[in-house]
Amino acid sequence: MKKILILLLSIYFGLSGCEENKESHLKQQFPEYSIAISDDSERIAYTATGNGDVALVFIHGWSCDARYWRNQVPVFAQNYRVLTIDLAGHGHSSSTRSDFTISSFANDLKAVIEKEQIGKAILIGHSMGGGVIASAARIMPKRVIGIIGIDTFHSVAEQMPQSVIDNMVKPFEDNFKEAAQNFVSSMFPSDTDDQLIRWVKEDMSSAPKEIALSAFRNYLGQYITGESAGVFKGIDIPVVSINARLWPTDYEKNMKHISNYKLIYIEESGHFPMLEKPEEFNNLLQKAIRIVK
């Protein structure tokens, strides 16, 4: 009888452990979202994980969402407070505003940081998210201690005429899905995992067309007005780029507009190093964080 009782207890506690592990695994797959209200009443969905005096705030790129940081959250949440944000019109956030601009996205970020009462934040932005975090740093100078751009800030002073932007946008206006998929295909090296490319192509090309075009035009418009470089005026906190070599980065010109700038390359990667080479990327991101702190 005693042996049977011990056996039953062992099975019970073993199953309980499995349930706990299963629950933990499910939380990693399906994170719990919180909501912050931006200044124009948009509902901004975000996740908050881990603890620490410094918060790492991850901002996705154009037509992406917080899922693109799935390889970073469990790693960095061991030592930091980690926030991932779906900008308005993306992921789980609402999409009622008329124009989706870099400045409005920066206010989405601000709403989350203020709700979470973050005192020290390092902002990490991919692609278009680089413009968002630079704009957010300017409106939150007392909360942001550093900026890390991921395959962005290639040449902040580059100038574009309106005609060039119109030509870039036209294929997306004519056939958004096809243009987005072609655009994504050009962002990966030829030896990238086919399944990853297929997932990113399908995901980004499924974005709401009008929202995507609004954000695209506004982001590119910074290179007409000069705001792509002007946003860094008065920002003296450390700024680090982790860039692939897919597109050239003009380090010398960037140094003229960003007062405290460092460049780190990730080799043999395309535009999505956090997905393509997560382990190497995480090591470089940790290096960038040490530079910023």
C-alpha atoms as a PDB file:
ATOM      1  CA  MET A   1       0.000   0.000   0.000  1.00  0.00           C
ATOM      2  CA  LYS A   2       2.818   2.366   0.927  1.00  0.00           C
ATOM      3  CA  LYS A   3       4.587   1.700  -2.387  1.00  0.00           C
ATOM      4  CA  ILE A   4       1.362   2.373  -4.329  1.00  0.00           C
ATOM      5  CA  LEU A   5       0.872   5.687  -2.463  1.00  0.00           C
ATOM      6  CA  ILE A   6       4.439   6.788  -3.239  1.00  0.00           C
ATOM      7  CA  LEU A   7       3.958   5.842  -6.883  1.00  0.00           C
ATOM      8  CA  LEU A   8       0.713   7.845  -7.127  1.00  0.00           C
ATOM      9  CA  LEU A   9       2.318  10.887  -5.491  1.00  0.00           C
ATOM     10  CA  SER A  10       5.283  10.664  -7.858  1.00  0.00           C
ATOM     11  CA  ILE A  11       2.961  10.558 -10.871  1.00  0.00           C
ATOM     12  CA  TYR A  12       0.911  13.492  -9.528  1.00  0.00           C
ATOM     13  CA  PHE A  13       3.907  15.743  -8.899  1.00  0.00           C
ATOM     14  CA  GLY A  14       5.480  14.663 -12.167  1.00  0.00           C
ATOM     15  CA  LEU A  15       2.346  15.666 -14.049  1.00  0.00           C
ATOM     16  CA  SER A  16       2.186  18.933 -12.113  1.00  0.00           C
ATOM     17  CA  GLY A  17       5.725  19.706 -13.226  1.00  0.00           C
ATOM     18  CA  CYS A  18       4.764  18.950 -16.819  1.00  0.00           C
ATOM     19  CA  GLU A  19       1.782  21.280 -16.556  1.00  0.00           C
ATOM     20  CA  GLU A  20       4.006  24.050 -15.195  1.00  0.00           C
ATOM     21  CA  ASN A  21       6.495  23.517 -18.019  1.00  0.00           C
ATOM     22  CA  LYS A  22       3.641  23.463 -20.534  1.00  0.00           C
ATOM     23  CA  GLU A  23       2.227  26.703 -19.128  1.00  0.00           C
ATOM     24  CA  SER A  24       5.653  28.350 -19.263  1.00  0.00           C
ATOM     25  CA  HIS A  25       6.100  27.202 -22.879  1.00  0.00           C
ATOM     26  CA  LEU A  26       2.673  28.533 -23.842  1.00  0.00           C
ATOM     27  CA  LYS A  27       3.466  31.922 -22.299  1.00  0.00           C
ATOM     28  CA  GLN A  28       6.586  32.106 -24.482  1.00  0.00           C
ATOM     29  CA  GLN A  29       4.554  31.223 -27.581  1.00  0.00           C
ATOM     30  CA  PHE A  30       1.554  33.394 -26.714  1.00  0.00           C
ATOM     31  CA  PRO A  31       2.719  36.349 -24.590  1.00  0.00           C
ATOM     32  CA  GLU A  32       0.216  38.320 -22.574  1.00  0.00           C
ATOM     33  CA  TYR A  33      -0.368  41.791 -23.988  1.00  0.00           C
ATOM     34  CA  SER A  34      -1.031  44.922 -22.001  1.00  0.00           C
ATOM     35  CA  ILE A  35      -2.539  48.125 -23.406  1.00  0.00           C
ATOM     36  CA  ALA A  36      -1.381  51.736 -23.229  1.00  0.00           C
ATOM     37  CA  ILE A  37      -3.346  54.657 -24.686  1.00  0.00           C
ATOM     38  CA  SER A  38      -1.446  56.926 -27.072  1.00  0.00           C
ATOM     39  CA  ASP A  39      -2.080  60.671 -27.235  1.00  0.00           C
ATOM     40  CA  ASP A  40      -4.619  60.237 -30.062  1.00  0.00           C
ATOM     41  CA  SER A  41      -6.502  57.475 -28.188  1.00  0.00           C
ATOM     42  CA  GLU A  42      -4.995  54.566 -30.131  1.00  0.00           C
ATOM     43  CA  ARG A  43      -4.746  51.384 -28.071  1.00  0.00           C
ATOM     44  CA  ILE A  44      -1.117  50.290 -28.104  1.00  0.00           C
ATOM     45  CA  ALA A  45      -0.484  46.615 -27.370  1.00  0.00           C
ATOM     46  CA  TYR A  46       2.777  45.639 -25.727  1.00  0.00           C
ATOM     47  CA  THR A  47       4.442  42.905 -23.700  1.00  0.00           C
ATOM     48  CA  ALA A  48       6.519  43.439 -20.569  1.00  0.00           C
ATOM     49  CA  THR A  49       8.835  40.701 -19.317  1.00  0.00           C
ATOM     50  CA  GLY A  50      11.672  40.386 -16.822  1.00  0.00           C
ATOM     51  CA  ASN A  51      13.049  42.818 -14.263  1.00  0.00           C
ATOM     52  CA  GLY A  52      15.895  45.253 -13.983  1.00  0.00           C
ATOM     53  CA  ASP A  53      16.809  48.886 -13.424  1.00  0.00           C
ATOM     54  CA  VAL A  54      17.184  49.374 -17.182  1.00  0.00           C
ATOM     55  CA  ALA A  55      14.417  48.571 -19.667  1.00  0.00           C
ATOM     56  CA  LEU A  56      15.088  47.408 -23.206  1.00  0.00           C
ATOM     57  CA  VAL A  57      12.283  48.618 -25.453  1.00  0.00           C
ATOM     58  CA  PHE A  58      12.091  46.831 -28.813  1.00  0.00           C
ATOM     59  CA  ILE A  59      10.410  48.550 -31.782  1.00  0.00           C
ATOM     60  CA  HIS A  60       9.664  46.654 -34.984  1.00  0.00           C
ATOM     61  CA  GLY A  61      10.085  47.881 -38.539  1.00  0.00           C
ATOM     62  CA  TRP A  62       7.699  48.695 -41.361  1.00  0.00           C
ATOM     63  CA  SER A  63       4.748  46.281 -41.664  1.00  0.00           C
ATOM     64  CA  CYS A  64       6.155  44.047 -38.909  1.00  0.00           C
ATOM     65  CA  ASP A  65       5.239  43.652 -35.224  1.00  0.00           C
ATOM     66  CA  ALA A  66       6.562  42.516 -31.840  1.00  0.00           C
ATOM     67  CA  ARG A  67       6.882  38.876 -32.951  1.00  0.00           C
ATOM     68  CA  TYR A  68      10.044  39.762 -34.857  1.00  0.00           C
ATOM     69  CA  TRP A  69      11.847  39.982 -31.490  1.00  0.00           C
ATOM     70  CA  ARG A  70      10.868  36.482 -30.374  1.00  0.00           C
ATOM     71  CA  ASN A  71      14.493  35.320 -30.282  1.00  0.00           C
ATOM     72  CA  GLN A  72      15.542  38.208 -28.041  1.00  0.00           C
ATOM     73  CA  VAL A  73      12.860  38.436 -25.350  1.00  0.00           C
ATOM     74  CA  PRO A  74      13.645  35.255 -23.359  1.00  0.00           C
ATOM     75  CA  VAL A  75      17.397  35.931 -23.527  1.00  0.00           C
ATOM     76  CA  PHE A  76      17.434  39.563 -22.402  1.00  0.00           C
ATOM     77  CA  ALA A  77      14.554  39.263 -19.932  1.00  0.00           C
ATOM     78  CA  GLN A  78      16.949  37.344 -17.685  1.00  0.00           C
ATOM     79  CA  ASN A  79      18.760  40.608 -16.827  1.00  0.00           C
ATOM     80  CA  TYR A  80      16.546  43.453 -18.010  1.00  0.00           C
ATOM     81  CA  ARG A  81      12.984  44.655 -18.107  1.00  0.00           C
ATOM     82  CA  VAL A  82      12.050  43.879 -21.716  1.00  0.00           C
ATOM     83  CA  LEU A  83       9.212  45.589 -23.567  1.00  0.00           C
ATOM     84  CA  THR A  84       8.050  44.807 -27.099  1.00  0.00           C
ATOM     85  CA  ILE A  85       5.550  47.139 -28.718  1.00  0.00           C
ATOM     86  CA  ASP A  86       3.103  46.843 -31.610  1.00  0.00           C
ATOM     87  CA  LEU A  87       2.948  50.331 -33.093  1.00  0.00           C
ATOM     88  CA  ALA A  88      -0.509  51.622 -34.035  1.00  0.00           C
ATOM     89  CA  GLY A  89      -1.816  49.871 -37.135  1.00  0.00           C
ATOM     90  CA  HIS A  90       0.405  46.860 -36.506  1.00  0.00           C
ATOM     91  CA  GLY A  91      -0.011  43.565 -34.675  1.00  0.00           C
ATOM     92  CA  HIS A  92      -2.523  43.731 -31.823  1.00  0.00           C
ATOM     93  CA  SER A  93      -2.712  47.549 -31.658  1.00  0.00           C
ATOM     94  CA  SER A  94      -5.644  49.601 -32.940  1.00  0.00           C
ATOM     95  CA  SER A  95      -5.579  51.463 -36.249  1.00  0.00           C
ATOM     96  CA  THR A  96      -8.013  54.372 -36.234  1.00  0.00           C
ATOM     97  CA  ARG A  97      -5.661  57.316 -36.845  1.00  0.00           C
ATOM     98  CA  SER A  98      -5.726  58.922 -40.276  1.00  0.00           C
ATOM     99  CA  ASP A  99      -1.950  59.229 -40.783  1.00  0.00           C
ATOM    100  CA  PHE A 100       0.660  56.786 -39.566  1.00  0.00           C
ATOM    101  CA  THR A 101       3.739  58.925 -39.039  1.00  0.00           C
ATOM    102  CA  ILE A 102       7.091  58.557 -37.345  1.00  0.00           C
ATOM    103  CA  SER A 103       6.124  61.183 -34.762  1.00  0.00           C
ATOM    104  CA  SER A 104       2.829  59.439 -33.989  1.00  0.00           C
ATOM    105  CA  PHE A 105       4.663  56.119 -33.593  1.00  0.00           C
ATOM    106  CA  ALA A 106       7.082  57.853 -31.203  1.00  0.00           C
ATOM    107  CA  ASN A 107       4.104  58.905 -29.101  1.00  0.00           C
ATOM    108  CA  ASP A 108       2.920  55.273 -29.059  1.00  0.00           C
ATOM    109  CA  LEU A 109       6.270  54.347 -27.552  1.00  0.00           C
ATOM    110  CA  LYS A 110       6.052  57.238 -25.081  1.00  0.00           C
ATOM    111  CA  ALA A 111       2.615  56.077 -23.898  1.00  0.00           C
ATOM    112  CA  VAL A 112       3.964  52.618 -23.067  1.00  0.00           C
ATOM    113  CA  ILE A 113       7.076  53.877 -21.288  1.00  0.00           C
ATOM    114  CA  GLU A 114       5.043  56.298 -19.200  1.00  0.00           C
ATOM    115  CA  LYS A 115       2.465  53.660 -18.295  1.00  0.00           C
ATOM    116  CA  GLU A 116       5.219  51.260 -17.221  1.00  0.00           C
ATOM    117  CA  GLN A 117       6.947  54.100 -15.315  1.00  0.00           C
ATOM    118  CA  ILE A 118      10.287  53.342 -16.965  1.00  0.00           C
ATOM    119  CA  GLY A 119      13.026  55.630 -15.672  1.00  0.00           C
ATOM    120  CA  LYS A 120      15.943  54.310 -17.743  1.00  0.00           C
ATOM    121  CA  ALA A 121      15.218  52.988 -21.219  1.00  0.00           C
ATOM    122  CA  ILE A 122      17.403  51.772 -24.058  1.00  0.00           C
ATOM    123  CA  LEU A 123      15.409  51.964 -27.272  1.00  0.00           C
ATOM    124  CA  ILE A 124      16.086  49.284 -29.883  1.00  0.00           C
ATOM    125  CA  GLY A 125      14.533  49.839 -33.307  1.00  0.00           C
ATOM    126  CA  HIS A 126      14.683  47.828 -36.522  1.00  0.00           C
ATOM    127  CA  SER A 127      14.610  49.501 -39.943  1.00  0.00           C
ATOM    128  CA  MET A 128      11.815  52.121 -39.865  1.00  0.00           C
ATOM    129  CA  GLY A 129      11.849  51.603 -36.099  1.00  0.00           C
ATOM    130  CA  GLY A 130      15.187  53.442 -36.074  1.00  0.00           C
ATOM    131  CA  GLY A 131      13.425  56.660 -37.039  1.00  0.00           C
ATOM    132  CA  VAL A 132      10.783  55.979 -34.389  1.00  0.00           C
ATOM    133  CA  ILE A 133      13.267  55.518 -31.540  1.00  0.00           C
ATOM    134  CA  ALA A 134      15.251  58.607 -32.544  1.00  0.00           C
ATOM    135  CA  SER A 135      12.061  60.676 -32.502  1.00  0.00           C
ATOM    136  CA  ALA A 136      11.024  59.119 -29.177  1.00  0.00           C
ATOM    137  CA  ALA A 137      14.401  59.884 -27.602  1.00  0.00           C
ATOM    138  CA  ARG A 138      13.962  63.525 -28.478  1.00  0.00           C
ATOM    139  CA  ILE A 139      10.600  63.772 -26.702  1.00  0.00           C
ATOM    140  CA  MET A 140      11.746  61.734 -23.662  1.00  0.00           C
ATOM    141  CA  PRO A 141      15.255  63.034 -22.902  1.00  0.00           C
ATOM    142  CA  LYS A 142      15.045  62.206 -19.189  1.00  0.00           C
ATOM    143  CA  ARG A 143      13.967  58.605 -19.699  1.00  0.00           C
ATOM    144  CA  VAL A 144      16.039  57.408 -22.665  1.00  0.00           C
ATOM    145  CA  ILE A 145      19.709  56.633 -21.980  1.00  0.00           C
ATOM    146  CA  GLY A 146      20.633  55.176 -25.358  1.00  0.00           C
ATOM    147  CA  ILE A 147      19.510  54.224 -28.860  1.00  0.00           C
ATOM    148  CA  ILE A 148      20.370  51.042 -30.761  1.00  0.00           C
ATOM    149  CA  GLY A 149      19.334  50.860 -34.405  1.00  0.00           C
ATOM    150  CA  ILE A 150      19.141  47.513 -36.182  1.00  0.00           C
ATOM    151  CA  ASP A 151      20.012  47.711 -39.887  1.00  0.00           C
ATOM    152  CA  THR A 152      19.014  51.350 -39.980  1.00  0.00           C
ATOM    153  CA  PHE A 153      20.715  54.791 -39.865  1.00  0.00           C
ATOM    154  CA  HIS A 154      22.621  53.795 -43.014  1.00  0.00           C
ATOM    155  CA  SER A 155      23.025  57.411 -44.102  1.00  0.00           C
ATOM    156  CA  VAL A 156      20.931  59.782 -42.033  1.00  0.00           C
ATOM    157  CA  ALA A 157      21.852  62.825 -44.143  1.00  0.00           C
ATOM    158  CA  GLU A 158      20.877  61.275 -47.474  1.00  0.00           C
ATOM    159  CA  GLN A 159      18.607  63.514 -49.534  1.00  0.00           C
ATOM    160  CA  MET A 160      15.851  62.259 -51.848  1.00  0.00           C
ATOM    161  CA  PRO A 161      13.673  64.225 -54.278  1.00  0.00           C
ATOM    162  CA  GLN A 162       9.926  63.627 -54.193  1.00  0.00           C
ATOM    163  CA  SER A 163      10.059  61.977 -57.616  1.00  0.00           C
ATOM    164  CA  VAL A 164      12.303  59.183 -56.333  1.00  0.00           C
ATOM    165  CA  ILE A 165       9.948  58.432 -53.454  1.00  0.00           C
ATOM    166  CA  ASP A 166       6.946  58.463 -55.791  1.00  0.00           C
ATOM    167  CA  ASN A 167       8.682  55.907 -58.009  1.00  0.00           C
ATOM    168  CA  MET A 168       9.519  53.743 -54.990  1.00  0.00           C
ATOM    169  CA  VAL A 169       5.945  53.804 -53.688  1.00  0.00           C
ATOM    170  CA  LYS A 170       4.116  53.307 -57.012  1.00  0.00           C
ATOM    171  CA  PRO A 171       4.568  49.506 -57.246  1.00  0.00           C
ATOM    172  CA  PHE A 172       3.076  49.162 -53.762  1.00  0.00           C
ATOM    173  CA  GLU A 173       0.103  51.282 -54.796  1.00  0.00           C
ATOM    174  CA  ASP A 174      -0.449  49.205 -57.944  1.00  0.00           C
ATOM    175  CA  ASN A 175      -0.120  45.743 -56.388  1.00  0.00           C
ATOM    176  CA  PHE A 176       0.789  45.869 -52.727  1.00  0.00           C
ATOM    177  CA  LYS A 177       1.150  42.155 -52.065  1.00  0.00           C
ATOM    178  CA  GLU A 178       3.396  41.485 -55.052  1.00  0.00           C
ATOM    179  CA  ALA A 179       5.554  44.578 -54.456  1.00  0.00           C
ATOM    180  CA  ALA A 180       5.932  43.818 -50.737  1.00  0.00           C
ATOM    181  CA  GLN A 181       6.968  40.232 -51.445  1.00  0.00           C
ATOM    182  CA  ASN A 182       9.526  41.340 -54.039  1.00  0.00           C
ATOM    183  CA  PHE A 183      10.801  43.973 -51.618  1.00  0.00           C
ATOM    184  CA  VAL A 184      11.236  41.411 -48.837  1.00  0.00           C
ATOM    185  CA  SER A 185      12.975  38.924 -51.142  1.00  0.00           C
ATOM    186  CA  SER A 186      15.667  41.515 -51.881  1.00  0.00           C
ATOM    187  CA  MET A 187      16.465  41.858 -48.176  1.00  0.00           C
ATOM    188  CA  PHE A 188      17.911  38.374 -47.664  1.00  0.00           C
ATOM    189  CA  PRO A 189      21.172  36.746 -48.783  1.00  0.00           C
ATOM    190  CA  SER A 190      20.729  33.887 -51.244  1.00  0.00           C
ATOM    191  CA  ASP A 191      21.595  31.216 -48.652  1.00  0.00           C
ATOM    192  CA  THR A 192      18.919  32.262 -46.120  1.00  0.00           C
ATOM    193  CA  ASP A 193      16.527  29.595 -44.883  1.00  0.00           C
ATOM    194  CA  ASP A 194      13.627  29.382 -47.358  1.00  0.00           C
ATOM    195  CA  GLN A 195      11.049  28.909 -44.620  1.00  0.00           C
ATOM    196  CA  LEU A 196      12.111  32.134 -42.894  1.00  0.00           C
ATOM    197  CA  ILE A 197      11.964  34.094 -46.142  1.00  0.00           C
ATOM    198  CA  ARG A 198       8.531  32.671 -46.930  1.00  0.00           C
ATOM    199  CA  TRP A 199       7.209  33.590 -43.458  1.00  0.00           C
ATOM    200  CA  VAL A 200       8.467  37.191 -43.611  1.00  0.00           C
ATOM    201  CA  LYS A 201       7.191  37.634 -47.179  1.00  0.00           C
ATOM    202  CA  GLU A 202       3.710  36.402 -46.317  1.00  0.00           C
ATOM    203  CA  ASP A 203       3.585  38.330 -43.063  1.00  0.00           C
ATOM    204  CA  MET A 204       4.698  41.724 -44.346  1.00  0.00           C
ATOM    205  CA  SER A 205       2.714  41.489 -47.584  1.00  0.00           C
ATOM    206  CA  SER A 206      -0.434  40.842 -45.526  1.00  0.00           C
ATOM    207  CA  ALA A 207      -0.200  44.252 -43.824  1.00  0.00           C
ATOM    208  CA  PRO A 208      -3.146  46.653 -44.352  1.00  0.00           C
ATOM    209  CA  LYS A 209      -2.267  48.458 -47.575  1.00  0.00           C
ATOM    210  CA  GLU A 210      -3.365  51.995 -46.650  1.00  0.00           C
ATOM    211  CA  ILE A 211      -1.622  51.889 -43.272  1.00  0.00           C
ATOM    212  CA  ALA A 212       1.559  50.512 -44.831  1.00  0.00           C
ATOM    213  CA  LEU A 213       1.581  53.168 -47.571  1.00  0.00           C
ATOM    214  CA  SER A 214       0.962  55.975 -45.079  1.00  0.00           C
ATOM    215  CA  ALA A 215       3.863  54.849 -42.900  1.00  0.00           C
ATOM    216  CA  PHE A 216       6.121  54.206 -45.906  1.00  0.00           C
ATOM    217  CA  ARG A 217       5.577  57.644 -47.404  1.00  0.00           C
ATOM    218  CA  ASN A 218       6.082  59.401 -44.090  1.00  0.00           C
ATOM    219  CA  TYR A 219       9.254  57.488 -43.285  1.00  0.00           C
ATOM    220  CA  LEU A 220      10.783  58.167 -46.702  1.00  0.00           C
ATOM    221  CA  GLY A 221       9.595  61.784 -46.512  1.00  0.00           C
ATOM    222  CA  GLN A 222      12.159  62.417 -43.782  1.00  0.00           C
ATOM    223  CA  TYR A 223      14.817  62.168 -46.489  1.00  0.00           C
ATOM    224  CA  ILE A 224      13.166  65.036 -48.358  1.00  0.00           C
ATOM    225  CA  THR A 225      12.775  67.349 -45.376  1.00  0.00           C
ATOM    226  CA  GLY A 226      16.117  66.470 -43.766  1.00  0.00           C
ATOM    227  CA  GLU A 227      14.403  65.268 -40.604  1.00  0.00           C
ATOM    228  CA  SER A 228      16.244  61.942 -40.901  1.00  0.00           C
ATOM    229  CA  ALA A 229      19.377  63.786 -39.785  1.00  0.00           C
ATOM    230  CA  GLY A 230      17.708  66.707 -37.999  1.00  0.00           C
ATOM    231  CA  VAL A 231      16.073  64.404 -35.461  1.00  0.00           C
ATOM    232  CA  PHE A 232      19.507  63.834 -33.900  1.00  0.00           C
ATOM    233  CA  LYS A 233      20.104  67.523 -33.235  1.00  0.00           C
ATOM    234  CA  GLY A 234      20.402  67.935 -29.470  1.00  0.00           C
ATOM    235  CA  ILE A 235      20.577  64.177 -28.838  1.00  0.00           C
ATOM    236  CA  ASP A 236      23.845  63.500 -27.033  1.00  0.00           C
ATOM    237  CA  ILE A 237      23.127  60.043 -25.633  1.00  0.00           C
ATOM    238  CA  PRO A 238      24.987  57.079 -27.205  1.00  0.00           C
ATOM    239  CA  VAL A 239      23.651  55.878 -30.552  1.00  0.00           C
ATOM    240  CA  VAL A 240      24.747  52.478 -31.890  1.00  0.00           C
ATOM    241  CA  SER A 241      23.960  50.812 -35.215  1.00  0.00           C
ATOM    242  CA  ILE A 242      24.086  47.039 -35.667  1.00  0.00           C
ATOM    243  CA  ASN A 243      24.021  46.850 -39.447  1.00  0.00           C
ATOM    244  CA  ALA A 244      24.357  44.210 -42.109  1.00  0.00           C
ATOM    245  CA  ARG A 245      26.491  44.911 -45.167  1.00  0.00           C
ATOM    246  CA  LEU A 246      23.544  44.379 -47.513  1.00  0.00           C
ATOM    247  CA  TRP A 247      23.299  48.157 -47.901  1.00  0.00           C
ATOM    248  CA  PRO A 248      26.269  50.472 -47.286  1.00  0.00           C
ATOM    249  CA  THR A 249      26.463  52.484 -44.067  1.00  0.00           C
ATOM    250  CA  ASP A 250      28.089  55.915 -44.363  1.00  0.00           C
ATOM    251  CA  TYR A 251      29.770  56.024 -40.970  1.00  0.00           C
ATOM    252  CA  GLU A 252      31.728  59.234 -41.603  1.00  0.00           C
ATOM    253  CA  LYS A 253      28.666  61.228 -42.667  1.00  0.00           C
ATOM    254  CA  ASN A 254      26.612  59.832 -39.807  1.00  0.00           C
ATOM    255  CA  MET A 255      29.293  61.032 -37.379  1.00  0.00           C
ATOM    256  CA  LYS A 256      28.691  64.600 -38.576  1.00  0.00           C
ATOM    257  CA  HIS A 257      25.056  64.471 -37.452  1.00  0.00           C
ATOM    258  CA  ILE A 258      25.092  62.035 -34.519  1.00  0.00           C
ATOM    259  CA  SER A 259      27.324  63.295 -31.742  1.00  0.00           C
ATOM    260  CA  ASN A 260      27.956  59.979 -29.989  1.00  0.00           C
ATOM    261  CA  TYR A 261      27.798  57.282 -32.669  1.00  0.00           C
ATOM    262  CA  LYS A 262      29.176  53.752 -32.936  1.00  0.00           C
ATOM    263  CA  LEU A 263      28.788  51.223 -35.747  1.00  0.00           C
ATOM    264  CA  ILE A 264      28.847  47.434 -35.358  1.00  0.00           C
ATOM    265  CA  TYR A 265      28.570  45.120 -38.351  1.00  0.00           C
ATOM    266  CA  ILE A 266      26.936  41.714 -38.347  1.00  0.00           C
ATOM    267  CA  GLU A 267      28.497  39.665 -41.105  1.00  0.00           C
ATOM    268  CA  GLU A 268      26.752  37.498 -43.709  1.00  0.00           C
ATOM    269  CA  SER A 269      23.297  38.683 -42.716  1.00  0.00           C
ATOM    270  CA  GLY A 270      20.443  40.419 -44.453  1.00  0.00           C
ATOM    271  CA  HIS A 271      17.973  42.982 -43.188  1.00  0.00           C
ATOM    272  CA  PHE A 272      16.586  40.807 -40.377  1.00  0.00           C
ATOM    273  CA  PRO A 273      19.635  39.725 -38.350  1.00  0.00           C
ATOM    274  CA  MET A 274      17.555  39.104 -35.214  1.00  0.00           C
ATOM    275  CA  LEU A 275      15.726  36.366 -37.142  1.00  0.00           C
ATOM    276  CA  GLU A 276      18.472  35.177 -39.481  1.00  0.00           C
ATOM    277  CA  LYS A 277      21.346  34.858 -37.010  1.00  0.00           C
ATOM    278  CA  PRO A 278      19.765  35.204 -33.548  1.00  0.00           C
ATOM    279  CA  GLU A 279      22.653  33.904 -31.441  1.00  0.00           C
ATOM    280  CA  GLU A 280      25.286  36.092 -33.112  1.00  0.00           C
ATOM    281  CA  PHE A 281      22.893  39.025 -33.143  1.00  0.00           C
ATOM    282  CA  ASN A 282      22.154  38.661 -29.418  1.00  0.00           C
ATOM    283  CA  ASN A 283      25.877  38.709 -28.645  1.00  0.00           C
ATOM    284  CA  LEU A 284      26.324  41.900 -30.660  1.00  0.00           C
ATOM    285  CA  LEU A 285      23.255  43.450 -29.065  1.00  0.00           C
ATOM    286  CA  GLN A 286      24.712  42.740 -25.647  1.00  0.00           C
ATOM    287  CA  LYS A 287      27.911  44.476 -26.784  1.00  0.00           C
ATOM    288  CA  ALA A 288      25.881  47.465 -27.963  1.00  0.00           C
ATOM    289  CA  ILE A 289      24.029  47.606 -24.633  1.00  0.00           C
ATOM    290  CA  ARG A 290      27.353  47.721 -22.769  1.00  0.00           C
ATOM    291  CA  ILE A 291      28.448  50.640 -24.987  1.00  0.00           C
ATOM    292  CA  VAL A 292      25.215  52.496 -24.262  1.00  0.00           C
ATOM    293  CA  LYS A 293      25.212  51.871 -20.513  1.00  0.00           C
END
